[in-house]
mmCIF file of all heavy atoms, coordinates in Angstrom:
data_MODEL
# 
_entry.id   MODEL 
# 
loop_
_atom_site.group_PDB 
_atom_site.id 
_atom_site.type_symbol 
_atom_site.label_atom_id 
_atom_site.label_alt_id 
_atom_site.label_comp_id 
_atom_site.label_asym_id 
_atom_site.label_entity_id 
_atom_site.label_seq_id 
_atom_site.pdbx_PDB_ins_code 
_atom_site.Cartn_x 
_atom_site.Cartn_y 
_atom_site.Cartn_z 
_atom_site.occupancy 
_atom_site.B_iso_or_equiv 
_atom_site.pdbx_formal_charge 
_atom_site.auth_seq_id 
_atom_site.auth_comp_id 
_atom_site.auth_asym_id 
_atom_site.auth_atom_id 
_atom_site.pdbx_PDB_model_num 
ATOM 1   N N   . GLY A 1 1  ? -1.641  5.876  10.026  1.00 0.00 ? 1  GLY A N   1 
ATOM 2   C CA  . GLY A 1 1  ? -0.192  5.737  9.973   1.00 0.00 ? 1  GLY A CA  1 
ATOM 3   C C   . GLY A 1 1  ? 0.309   4.846  8.858   1.00 0.00 ? 1  GLY A C   1 
ATOM 4   O O   . GLY A 1 1  ? 1.522   4.644  8.718   1.00 0.00 ? 1  GLY A O   1 
ATOM 5   N N   . ALA A 1 2  ? -0.575  4.289  8.032   1.00 0.00 ? 2  ALA A N   1 
ATOM 6   C CA  . ALA A 1 2  ? -0.149  3.461  6.902   1.00 0.00 ? 2  ALA A CA  1 
ATOM 7   C C   . ALA A 1 2  ? 0.470   4.341  5.821   1.00 0.00 ? 2  ALA A C   1 
ATOM 8   O O   . ALA A 1 2  ? 0.211   5.549  5.746   1.00 0.00 ? 2  ALA A O   1 
ATOM 9   C CB  . ALA A 1 2  ? -1.319  2.670  6.344   1.00 0.00 ? 2  ALA A CB  1 
ATOM 10  N N   . ALA A 1 3  ? 1.315   3.729  4.961   1.00 0.00 ? 3  ALA A N   1 
ATOM 11  C CA  . ALA A 1 3  ? 1.962   4.481  3.890   1.00 0.00 ? 3  ALA A CA  1 
ATOM 12  C C   . ALA A 1 3  ? 2.064   3.611  2.639   1.00 0.00 ? 3  ALA A C   1 
ATOM 13  O O   . ALA A 1 3  ? 2.376   2.425  2.728   1.00 0.00 ? 3  ALA A O   1 
ATOM 14  C CB  . ALA A 1 3  ? 3.348   4.954  4.314   1.00 0.00 ? 3  ALA A CB  1 
ATOM 15  N N   . VAL A 1 4  ? 1.798   4.227  1.486   1.00 0.00 ? 4  VAL A N   1 
ATOM 16  C CA  . VAL A 1 4  ? 1.954   3.574  0.181   1.00 0.00 ? 4  VAL A CA  1 
ATOM 17  C C   . VAL A 1 4  ? 2.922   4.423  -0.619  1.00 0.00 ? 4  VAL A C   1 
ATOM 18  O O   . VAL A 1 4  ? 2.647   5.600  -0.904  1.00 0.00 ? 4  VAL A O   1 
ATOM 19  C CB  . VAL A 1 4  ? 0.604   3.446  -0.547  1.00 0.00 ? 4  VAL A CB  1 
ATOM 20  C CG1 . VAL A 1 4  ? 0.798   2.735  -1.884  1.00 0.00 ? 4  VAL A CG1 1 
ATOM 21  C CG2 . VAL A 1 4  ? -0.416  2.693  0.315   1.00 0.00 ? 4  VAL A CG2 1 
ATOM 22  N N   . TRP A 1 5  ? 4.059   3.818  -1.035  1.00 0.00 ? 5  TRP A N   1 
ATOM 23  C CA  . TRP A 1 5  ? 5.133   4.603  -1.627  1.00 0.00 ? 5  TRP A CA  1 
ATOM 24  C C   . TRP A 1 5  ? 5.158   4.511  -3.148  1.00 0.00 ? 5  TRP A C   1 
ATOM 25  O O   . TRP A 1 5  ? 4.261   3.964  -3.783  1.00 0.00 ? 5  TRP A O   1 
ATOM 26  C CB  . TRP A 1 5  ? 6.471   4.218  -0.995  1.00 0.00 ? 5  TRP A CB  1 
ATOM 27  C CG  . TRP A 1 5  ? 6.528   4.629  0.447   1.00 0.00 ? 5  TRP A CG  1 
ATOM 28  C CD1 . TRP A 1 5  ? 6.311   3.851  1.548   1.00 0.00 ? 5  TRP A CD1 1 
ATOM 29  C CD2 . TRP A 1 5  ? 6.737   5.945  0.948   1.00 0.00 ? 5  TRP A CD2 1 
ATOM 30  N NE1 . TRP A 1 5  ? 6.389   4.592  2.695   1.00 0.00 ? 5  TRP A NE1 1 
ATOM 31  C CE2 . TRP A 1 5  ? 6.657   5.885  2.372   1.00 0.00 ? 5  TRP A CE2 1 
ATOM 32  C CE3 . TRP A 1 5  ? 6.992   7.173  0.351   1.00 0.00 ? 5  TRP A CE3 1 
ATOM 33  C CZ2 . TRP A 1 5  ? 6.816   7.000  3.178   1.00 0.00 ? 5  TRP A CZ2 1 
ATOM 34  C CZ3 . TRP A 1 5  ? 7.160   8.295  1.166   1.00 0.00 ? 5  TRP A CZ3 1 
ATOM 35  C CH2 . TRP A 1 5  ? 7.078   8.197  2.560   1.00 0.00 ? 5  TRP A CH2 1 
ATOM 36  N N   . ASN A 1 6  ? 6.246   5.011  -3.744  1.00 0.00 ? 6  ASN A N   1 
ATOM 37  C CA  . ASN A 1 6  ? 6.374   5.296  -5.168  1.00 0.00 ? 6  ASN A CA  1 
ATOM 38  C C   . ASN A 1 6  ? 5.938   4.144  -6.072  1.00 0.00 ? 6  ASN A C   1 
ATOM 39  O O   . ASN A 1 6  ? 6.361   2.998  -5.900  1.00 0.00 ? 6  ASN A O   1 
ATOM 40  C CB  . ASN A 1 6  ? 7.833   5.636  -5.512  1.00 0.00 ? 6  ASN A CB  1 
ATOM 41  C CG  . ASN A 1 6  ? 8.439   6.632  -4.570  1.00 0.00 ? 6  ASN A CG  1 
ATOM 42  O OD1 . ASN A 1 6  ? 8.411   6.439  -3.355  1.00 0.00 ? 6  ASN A OD1 1 
ATOM 43  N ND2 . ASN A 1 6  ? 9.010   7.695  -5.107  1.00 0.00 ? 6  ASN A ND2 1 
ATOM 44  N N   . TRP A 1 7  ? 5.099   4.473  -7.044  1.00 0.00 ? 7  TRP A N   1 
ATOM 45  C CA  . TRP A 1 7  ? 4.756   3.599  -8.166  1.00 0.00 ? 7  TRP A CA  1 
ATOM 46  C C   . TRP A 1 7  ? 4.034   2.315  -7.751  1.00 0.00 ? 7  TRP A C   1 
ATOM 47  O O   . TRP A 1 7  ? 3.936   1.378  -8.537  1.00 0.00 ? 7  TRP A O   1 
ATOM 48  C CB  . TRP A 1 7  ? 6.004   3.249  -8.979  1.00 0.00 ? 7  TRP A CB  1 
ATOM 49  C CG  . TRP A 1 7  ? 6.809   4.449  -9.369  1.00 0.00 ? 7  TRP A CG  1 
ATOM 50  C CD1 . TRP A 1 7  ? 8.061   4.791  -8.905  1.00 0.00 ? 7  TRP A CD1 1 
ATOM 51  C CD2 . TRP A 1 7  ? 6.427   5.489  -10.270 1.00 0.00 ? 7  TRP A CD2 1 
ATOM 52  N NE1 . TRP A 1 7  ? 8.477   5.975  -9.448  1.00 0.00 ? 7  TRP A NE1 1 
ATOM 53  C CE2 . TRP A 1 7  ? 7.486   6.437  -10.304 1.00 0.00 ? 7  TRP A CE2 1 
ATOM 54  C CE3 . TRP A 1 7  ? 5.286   5.731  -11.044 1.00 0.00 ? 7  TRP A CE3 1 
ATOM 55  C CZ2 . TRP A 1 7  ? 7.448   7.578  -11.079 1.00 0.00 ? 7  TRP A CZ2 1 
ATOM 56  C CZ3 . TRP A 1 7  ? 5.248   6.877  -11.819 1.00 0.00 ? 7  TRP A CZ3 1 
ATOM 57  C CH2 . TRP A 1 7  ? 6.321   7.774  -11.837 1.00 0.00 ? 7  TRP A CH2 1 
ATOM 58  N N   . SER A 1 8  ? 3.543   2.250  -6.547  1.00 0.00 ? 8  SER A N   1 
ATOM 59  C CA  . SER A 1 8  ? 2.785   1.071  -6.128  1.00 0.00 ? 8  SER A CA  1 
ATOM 60  C C   . SER A 1 8  ? 1.340   1.176  -6.616  1.00 0.00 ? 8  SER A C   1 
ATOM 61  O O   . SER A 1 8  ? 0.820   2.269  -6.857  1.00 0.00 ? 8  SER A O   1 
ATOM 62  C CB  . SER A 1 8  ? 2.811   0.923  -4.605  1.00 0.00 ? 8  SER A CB  1 
ATOM 63  O OG  . SER A 1 8  ? 4.101   0.565  -4.170  1.00 0.00 ? 8  SER A OG  1 
ATOM 64  N N   . LYS A 1 9  ? 0.694   0.006  -6.746  1.00 0.00 ? 9  LYS A N   1 
ATOM 65  C CA  . LYS A 1 9  ? -0.702  -0.030 -7.166  1.00 0.00 ? 9  LYS A CA  1 
ATOM 66  C C   . LYS A 1 9  ? -1.495  -0.882 -6.188  1.00 0.00 ? 9  LYS A C   1 
ATOM 67  O O   . LYS A 1 9  ? -1.142  -2.035 -5.924  1.00 0.00 ? 9  LYS A O   1 
ATOM 68  C CB  . LYS A 1 9  ? -0.843  -0.608 -8.575  1.00 0.00 ? 9  LYS A CB  1 
ATOM 69  C CG  . LYS A 1 9  ? -2.288  -0.632 -9.065  1.00 0.00 ? 9  LYS A CG  1 
ATOM 70  C CD  . LYS A 1 9  ? -2.394  -1.049 -10.518 1.00 0.00 ? 9  LYS A CD  1 
ATOM 71  C CE  . LYS A 1 9  ? -3.846  -0.987 -10.992 1.00 0.00 ? 9  LYS A CE  1 
ATOM 72  N NZ  . LYS A 1 9  ? -3.977  -1.345 -12.435 1.00 0.00 ? 9  LYS A NZ  1 
ATOM 73  N N   . VAL A 1 10 ? -2.573  -0.305 -5.648  1.00 0.00 ? 10 VAL A N   1 
ATOM 74  C CA  . VAL A 1 10 ? -3.438  -0.995 -4.696  1.00 0.00 ? 10 VAL A CA  1 
ATOM 75  C C   . VAL A 1 10 ? -4.847  -0.987 -5.280  1.00 0.00 ? 10 VAL A C   1 
ATOM 76  O O   . VAL A 1 10 ? -5.446  0.078  -5.470  1.00 0.00 ? 10 VAL A O   1 
ATOM 77  C CB  . VAL A 1 10 ? -3.423  -0.309 -3.319  1.00 0.00 ? 10 VAL A CB  1 
ATOM 78  C CG1 . VAL A 1 10 ? -4.229  -1.138 -2.324  1.00 0.00 ? 10 VAL A CG1 1 
ATOM 79  C CG2 . VAL A 1 10 ? -1.984  -0.126 -2.818  1.00 0.00 ? 10 VAL A CG2 1 
ATOM 80  N N   . ARG A 1 11 ? -5.363  -2.172 -5.522  1.00 0.00 ? 11 ARG A N   1 
ATOM 81  C CA  . ARG A 1 11 ? -6.632  -2.280 -6.239  1.00 0.00 ? 11 ARG A CA  1 
ATOM 82  C C   . ARG A 1 11 ? -7.845  -2.213 -5.312  1.00 0.00 ? 11 ARG A C   1 
ATOM 83  O O   . ARG A 1 11 ? -7.723  -2.108 -4.094  1.00 0.00 ? 11 ARG A O   1 
ATOM 84  C CB  . ARG A 1 11 ? -6.644  -3.558 -7.073  1.00 0.00 ? 11 ARG A CB  1 
ATOM 85  C CG  . ARG A 1 11 ? -5.675  -3.514 -8.261  1.00 0.00 ? 11 ARG A CG  1 
ATOM 86  C CD  . ARG A 1 11 ? -5.883  -4.693 -9.181  1.00 0.00 ? 11 ARG A CD  1 
ATOM 87  N NE  . ARG A 1 11 ? -7.269  -4.761 -9.656  1.00 0.00 ? 11 ARG A NE  1 
ATOM 88  C CZ  . ARG A 1 11 ? -7.751  -5.787 -10.367 1.00 0.00 ? 11 ARG A CZ  1 
ATOM 89  N NH1 . ARG A 1 11 ? -6.958  -6.813 -10.666 1.00 0.00 ? 11 ARG A NH1 1 
ATOM 90  N NH2 . ARG A 1 11 ? -9.010  -5.796 -10.758 1.00 0.00 ? 11 ARG A NH2 1 
ATOM 91  N N   . GLU A 1 12 ? -9.013  -2.330 -5.912  1.00 0.00 ? 12 GLU A N   1 
ATOM 92  C CA  . GLU A 1 12 ? -10.280 -2.116 -5.222  1.00 0.00 ? 12 GLU A CA  1 
ATOM 93  C C   . GLU A 1 12 ? -10.507 -3.133 -4.104  1.00 0.00 ? 12 GLU A C   1 
ATOM 94  O O   . GLU A 1 12 ? -10.143 -4.292 -4.198  1.00 0.00 ? 12 GLU A O   1 
ATOM 95  C CB  . GLU A 1 12 ? -11.449 -2.162 -6.207  1.00 0.00 ? 12 GLU A CB  1 
ATOM 96  C CG  . GLU A 1 12 ? -11.598 -3.465 -6.968  1.00 0.00 ? 12 GLU A CG  1 
ATOM 97  C CD  . GLU A 1 12 ? -10.797 -3.516 -8.267  1.00 0.00 ? 12 GLU A CD  1 
ATOM 98  O OE1 . GLU A 1 12 ? -9.833  -2.733 -8.409  1.00 0.00 ? 12 GLU A OE1 1 
ATOM 99  O OE2 . GLU A 1 12 ? -11.125 -4.353 -9.117  1.00 0.00 ? 12 GLU A OE2 1 
ATOM 100 N N   . GLY A 1 13 ? -11.124 -2.636 -3.024  1.00 0.00 ? 13 GLY A N   1 
ATOM 101 C CA  . GLY A 1 13 ? -11.526 -3.498 -1.929  1.00 0.00 ? 13 GLY A CA  1 
ATOM 102 C C   . GLY A 1 13 ? -10.418 -3.943 -0.995  1.00 0.00 ? 13 GLY A C   1 
ATOM 103 O O   . GLY A 1 13 ? -10.653 -4.752 -0.097  1.00 0.00 ? 13 GLY A O   1 
ATOM 104 N N   . VAL A 1 14 ? -9.218  -3.430 -1.164  1.00 0.00 ? 14 VAL A N   1 
ATOM 105 C CA  . VAL A 1 14 ? -8.094  -3.806 -0.299  1.00 0.00 ? 14 VAL A CA  1 
ATOM 106 C C   . VAL A 1 14 ? -8.237  -3.107 1.058   1.00 0.00 ? 14 VAL A C   1 
ATOM 107 O O   . VAL A 1 14 ? -8.667  -1.954 1.130   1.00 0.00 ? 14 VAL A O   1 
ATOM 108 C CB  . VAL A 1 14 ? -6.751  -3.439 -0.950  1.00 0.00 ? 14 VAL A CB  1 
ATOM 109 C CG1 . VAL A 1 14 ? -5.587  -3.606 0.031   1.00 0.00 ? 14 VAL A CG1 1 
ATOM 110 C CG2 . VAL A 1 14 ? -6.516  -4.289 -2.195  1.00 0.00 ? 14 VAL A CG2 1 
ATOM 111 N N   . LYS A 1 15 ? -7.859  -3.820 2.114   1.00 0.00 ? 15 LYS A N   1 
ATOM 112 C CA  . LYS A 1 15 ? -7.804  -3.232 3.450   1.00 0.00 ? 15 LYS A CA  1 
ATOM 113 C C   . LYS A 1 15 ? -6.387  -3.358 3.990   1.00 0.00 ? 15 LYS A C   1 
ATOM 114 O O   . LYS A 1 15 ? -5.833  -4.457 4.021   1.00 0.00 ? 15 LYS A O   1 
ATOM 115 C CB  . LYS A 1 15 ? -8.797  -3.925 4.393   1.00 0.00 ? 15 LYS A CB  1 
ATOM 116 C CG  . LYS A 1 15 ? -10.248 -3.640 4.063   1.00 0.00 ? 15 LYS A CG  1 
ATOM 117 C CD  . LYS A 1 15 ? -11.181 -4.249 5.096   1.00 0.00 ? 15 LYS A CD  1 
ATOM 118 C CE  . LYS A 1 15 ? -12.637 -3.915 4.784   1.00 0.00 ? 15 LYS A CE  1 
ATOM 119 N NZ  . LYS A 1 15 ? -13.555 -4.506 5.801   1.00 0.00 ? 15 LYS A NZ  1 
ATOM 120 N N   . ILE A 1 16 ? -5.805  -2.235 4.394   1.00 0.00 ? 16 ILE A N   1 
ATOM 121 C CA  . ILE A 1 16 ? -4.433  -2.182 4.897   1.00 0.00 ? 16 ILE A CA  1 
ATOM 122 C C   . ILE A 1 16 ? -4.473  -1.610 6.308   1.00 0.00 ? 16 ILE A C   1 
ATOM 123 O O   . ILE A 1 16 ? -5.045  -0.548 6.545   1.00 0.00 ? 16 ILE A O   1 
ATOM 124 C CB  . ILE A 1 16 ? -3.542  -1.312 3.989   1.00 0.00 ? 16 ILE A CB  1 
ATOM 125 C CG1 . ILE A 1 16 ? -3.457  -1.941 2.594   1.00 0.00 ? 16 ILE A CG1 1 
ATOM 126 C CG2 . ILE A 1 16 ? -2.147  -1.147 4.583   1.00 0.00 ? 16 ILE A CG2 1 
ATOM 127 C CD1 . ILE A 1 16 ? -2.738  -1.085 1.576   1.00 0.00 ? 16 ILE A CD1 1 
ATOM 128 N N   . GLY A 1 17 ? -3.850  -2.316 7.249   1.00 0.00 ? 17 GLY A N   1 
ATOM 129 C CA  . GLY A 1 17 ? -3.959  -1.975 8.656   1.00 0.00 ? 17 GLY A CA  1 
ATOM 130 C C   . GLY A 1 17 ? -3.102  -0.801 9.091   1.00 0.00 ? 17 GLY A C   1 
ATOM 131 O O   . GLY A 1 17 ? -2.321  -0.224 8.327   1.00 0.00 ? 17 GLY A O   1 
ATOM 132 N N   . ARG A 1 18 ? -3.226  -0.477 10.367  1.00 0.00 ? 18 ARG A N   1 
ATOM 133 C CA  . ARG A 1 18 ? -2.532  0.654  10.981  1.00 0.00 ? 18 ARG A CA  1 
ATOM 134 C C   . ARG A 1 18 ? -1.013  0.460  10.932  1.00 0.00 ? 18 ARG A C   1 
ATOM 135 O O   . ARG A 1 18 ? -0.498  -0.607 11.222  1.00 0.00 ? 18 ARG A O   1 
ATOM 136 C CB  . ARG A 1 18 ? -2.964  0.801  12.434  1.00 0.00 ? 18 ARG A CB  1 
ATOM 137 C CG  . ARG A 1 18 ? -4.429  1.176  12.617  1.00 0.00 ? 18 ARG A CG  1 
ATOM 138 C CD  . ARG A 1 18 ? -4.827  1.213  14.074  1.00 0.00 ? 18 ARG A CD  1 
ATOM 139 N NE  . ARG A 1 18 ? -4.797  -0.127 14.668  1.00 0.00 ? 18 ARG A NE  1 
ATOM 140 C CZ  . ARG A 1 18 ? -3.950  -0.522 15.594  1.00 0.00 ? 18 ARG A CZ  1 
ATOM 141 N NH1 . ARG A 1 18 ? -3.043  0.304  16.064  1.00 0.00 ? 18 ARG A NH1 1 
ATOM 142 N NH2 . ARG A 1 18 ? -4.013  -1.747 16.087  1.00 0.00 ? 18 ARG A NH2 1 
ATOM 143 N N   . GLY A 1 19 ? -0.305  1.521  10.567  1.00 0.00 ? 19 GLY A N   1 
ATOM 144 C CA  . GLY A 1 19 ? 1.141   1.523  10.619  1.00 0.00 ? 19 GLY A CA  1 
ATOM 145 C C   . GLY A 1 19 ? 1.829   0.635  9.607   1.00 0.00 ? 19 GLY A C   1 
ATOM 146 O O   . GLY A 1 19 ? 3.048   0.431  9.685   1.00 0.00 ? 19 GLY A O   1 
ATOM 147 N N   . THR A 1 20 ? 1.099   0.106  8.640   1.00 0.00 ? 20 THR A N   1 
ATOM 148 C CA  . THR A 1 20 ? 1.703   -0.770 7.628   1.00 0.00 ? 20 THR A CA  1 
ATOM 149 C C   . THR A 1 20 ? 2.365   0.057  6.542   1.00 0.00 ? 20 THR A C   1 
ATOM 150 O O   . THR A 1 20 ? 1.817   1.055  6.080   1.00 0.00 ? 20 THR A O   1 
ATOM 151 C CB  . THR A 1 20 ? 0.648   -1.714 7.037   1.00 0.00 ? 20 THR A CB  1 
ATOM 152 O OG1 . THR A 1 20 ? 0.328   -2.709 8.007   1.00 0.00 ? 20 THR A OG1 1 
ATOM 153 C CG2 . THR A 1 20 ? 1.143   -2.392 5.776   1.00 0.00 ? 20 THR A CG2 1 
ATOM 154 N N   . ASN A 1 21 ? 3.556   -0.374 6.126   1.00 0.00 ? 21 ASN A N   1 
ATOM 155 C CA  . ASN A 1 21 ? 4.349   0.355  5.148   1.00 0.00 ? 21 ASN A CA  1 
ATOM 156 C C   . ASN A 1 21 ? 4.431   -0.450 3.850   1.00 0.00 ? 21 ASN A C   1 
ATOM 157 O O   . ASN A 1 21 ? 4.949   -1.571 3.838   1.00 0.00 ? 21 ASN A O   1 
ATOM 158 C CB  . ASN A 1 21 ? 5.753   0.616  5.694   1.00 0.00 ? 21 ASN A CB  1 
ATOM 159 C CG  . ASN A 1 21 ? 6.526   1.591  4.841   1.00 0.00 ? 21 ASN A CG  1 
ATOM 160 O OD1 . ASN A 1 21 ? 6.270   2.790  4.852   1.00 0.00 ? 21 ASN A OD1 1 
ATOM 161 N ND2 . ASN A 1 21 ? 7.499   1.070  4.097   1.00 0.00 ? 21 ASN A ND2 1 
ATOM 162 N N   . ILE A 1 22 ? 3.915   0.117  2.763   1.00 0.00 ? 22 ILE A N   1 
ATOM 163 C CA  . ILE A 1 22 ? 3.940   -0.523 1.445   1.00 0.00 ? 22 ILE A CA  1 
ATOM 164 C C   . ILE A 1 22 ? 5.035   0.148  0.627   1.00 0.00 ? 22 ILE A C   1 
ATOM 165 O O   . ILE A 1 22 ? 4.960   1.346  0.342   1.00 0.00 ? 22 ILE A O   1 
ATOM 166 C CB  . ILE A 1 22 ? 2.584   -0.369 0.727   1.00 0.00 ? 22 ILE A CB  1 
ATOM 167 C CG1 . ILE A 1 22 ? 1.426   -0.843 1.614   1.00 0.00 ? 22 ILE A CG1 1 
ATOM 168 C CG2 . ILE A 1 22 ? 2.608   -1.118 -0.598  1.00 0.00 ? 22 ILE A CG2 1 
ATOM 169 C CD1 . ILE A 1 22 ? 1.452   -2.289 1.967   1.00 0.00 ? 22 ILE A CD1 1 
ATOM 170 N N   . GLY A 1 23 ? 6.076   -0.606 0.267   1.00 0.00 ? 23 GLY A N   1 
ATOM 171 C CA  . GLY A 1 23 ? 7.243   -0.031 -0.393  1.00 0.00 ? 23 GLY A CA  1 
ATOM 172 C C   . GLY A 1 23 ? 7.011   0.365  -1.838  1.00 0.00 ? 23 GLY A C   1 
ATOM 173 O O   . GLY A 1 23 ? 5.879   0.512  -2.305  1.00 0.00 ? 23 GLY A O   1 
ATOM 174 N N   . GLN A 1 24 ? 8.100   0.513  -2.568  1.00 0.00 ? 24 GLN A N   1 
ATOM 175 C CA  . GLN A 1 24 ? 8.055   0.996  -3.948  1.00 0.00 ? 24 GLN A CA  1 
ATOM 176 C C   . GLN A 1 24 ? 7.690   -0.123 -4.914  1.00 0.00 ? 24 GLN A C   1 
ATOM 177 O O   . GLN A 1 24 ? 8.127   -1.268 -4.779  1.00 0.00 ? 24 GLN A O   1 
ATOM 178 C CB  . GLN A 1 24 ? 9.427   1.567  -4.306  1.00 0.00 ? 24 GLN A CB  1 
ATOM 179 C CG  . GLN A 1 24 ? 9.551   2.066  -5.735  1.00 0.00 ? 24 GLN A CG  1 
ATOM 180 C CD  . GLN A 1 24 ? 10.902  2.695  -5.971  1.00 0.00 ? 24 GLN A CD  1 
ATOM 181 O OE1 . GLN A 1 24 ? 11.301  3.622  -5.277  1.00 0.00 ? 24 GLN A OE1 1 
ATOM 182 N NE2 . GLN A 1 24 ? 11.628  2.179  -6.960  1.00 0.00 ? 24 GLN A NE2 1 
ATOM 183 N N   . SER A 1 25 ? 6.866   0.202  -5.911  1.00 0.00 ? 25 SER A N   1 
ATOM 184 C CA  . SER A 1 25 ? 6.508   -0.719 -7.002  1.00 0.00 ? 25 SER A CA  1 
ATOM 185 C C   . SER A 1 25 ? 5.897   -2.024 -6.496  1.00 0.00 ? 25 SER A C   1 
ATOM 186 O O   . SER A 1 25 ? 6.181   -3.103 -7.006  1.00 0.00 ? 25 SER A O   1 
ATOM 187 C CB  . SER A 1 25 ? 7.738   -1.015 -7.881  1.00 0.00 ? 25 SER A CB  1 
ATOM 188 O OG  . SER A 1 25 ? 8.249   0.174  -8.433  1.00 0.00 ? 25 SER A OG  1 
ATOM 189 N N   . VAL A 1 26 ? 5.048   -1.921 -5.493  1.00 0.00 ? 26 VAL A N   1 
ATOM 190 C CA  . VAL A 1 26 ? 4.317   -3.072 -4.951  1.00 0.00 ? 26 VAL A CA  1 
ATOM 191 C C   . VAL A 1 26 ? 2.966   -3.165 -5.647  1.00 0.00 ? 26 VAL A C   1 
ATOM 192 O O   . VAL A 1 26 ? 2.304   -2.140 -5.874  1.00 0.00 ? 26 VAL A O   1 
ATOM 193 C CB  . VAL A 1 26 ? 4.130   -2.934 -3.430  1.00 0.00 ? 26 VAL A CB  1 
ATOM 194 C CG1 . VAL A 1 26 ? 3.218   -4.033 -2.885  1.00 0.00 ? 26 VAL A CG1 1 
ATOM 195 C CG2 . VAL A 1 26 ? 5.477   -2.959 -2.730  1.00 0.00 ? 26 VAL A CG2 1 
ATOM 196 N N   . TYR A 1 27 ? 2.547   -4.394 -5.983  1.00 0.00 ? 27 TYR A N   1 
ATOM 197 C CA  . TYR A 1 27 ? 1.220   -4.610 -6.560  1.00 0.00 ? 27 TYR A CA  1 
ATOM 198 C C   . TYR A 1 27 ? 0.380   -5.398 -5.567  1.00 0.00 ? 27 TYR A C   1 
ATOM 199 O O   . TYR A 1 27 ? 0.771   -6.488 -5.126  1.00 0.00 ? 27 TYR A O   1 
ATOM 200 C CB  . TYR A 1 27 ? 1.305   -5.393 -7.871  1.00 0.00 ? 27 TYR A CB  1 
ATOM 201 C CG  . TYR A 1 27 ? -0.058  -5.755 -8.424  1.00 0.00 ? 27 TYR A CG  1 
ATOM 202 C CD1 . TYR A 1 27 ? -0.838  -4.802 -9.070  1.00 0.00 ? 27 TYR A CD1 1 
ATOM 203 C CD2 . TYR A 1 27 ? -0.571  -7.039 -8.275  1.00 0.00 ? 27 TYR A CD2 1 
ATOM 204 C CE1 . TYR A 1 27 ? -2.092  -5.125 -9.564  1.00 0.00 ? 27 TYR A CE1 1 
ATOM 205 C CE2 . TYR A 1 27 ? -1.825  -7.373 -8.765  1.00 0.00 ? 27 TYR A CE2 1 
ATOM 206 C CZ  . TYR A 1 27 ? -2.579  -6.409 -9.418  1.00 0.00 ? 27 TYR A CZ  1 
ATOM 207 O OH  . TYR A 1 27 ? -3.825  -6.730 -9.891  1.00 0.00 ? 27 TYR A OH  1 
ATOM 208 N N   . ILE A 1 28 ? -0.773  -4.843 -5.193  1.00 0.00 ? 28 ILE A N   1 
ATOM 209 C CA  . ILE A 1 28 ? -1.699  -5.511 -4.279  1.00 0.00 ? 28 ILE A CA  1 
ATOM 210 C C   . ILE A 1 28 ? -3.029  -5.687 -4.999  1.00 0.00 ? 28 ILE A C   1 
ATOM 211 O O   . ILE A 1 28 ? -3.693  -4.706 -5.357  1.00 0.00 ? 28 ILE A O   1 
ATOM 212 C CB  . ILE A 1 28 ? -1.870  -4.724 -2.972  1.00 0.00 ? 28 ILE A CB  1 
ATOM 213 C CG1 . ILE A 1 28 ? -0.504  -4.530 -2.298  1.00 0.00 ? 28 ILE A CG1 1 
ATOM 214 C CG2 . ILE A 1 28 ? -2.822  -5.449 -2.037  1.00 0.00 ? 28 ILE A CG2 1 
ATOM 215 C CD1 . ILE A 1 28 ? -0.558  -3.708 -1.030  1.00 0.00 ? 28 ILE A CD1 1 
# 
């Protein structure tokens, strides 16, 4: 149920939990 939206960047080894919403142009 997680979501990563427009133009965001998620780098190697990241863990994102259930139902978490990552908005636009987010850098992780």
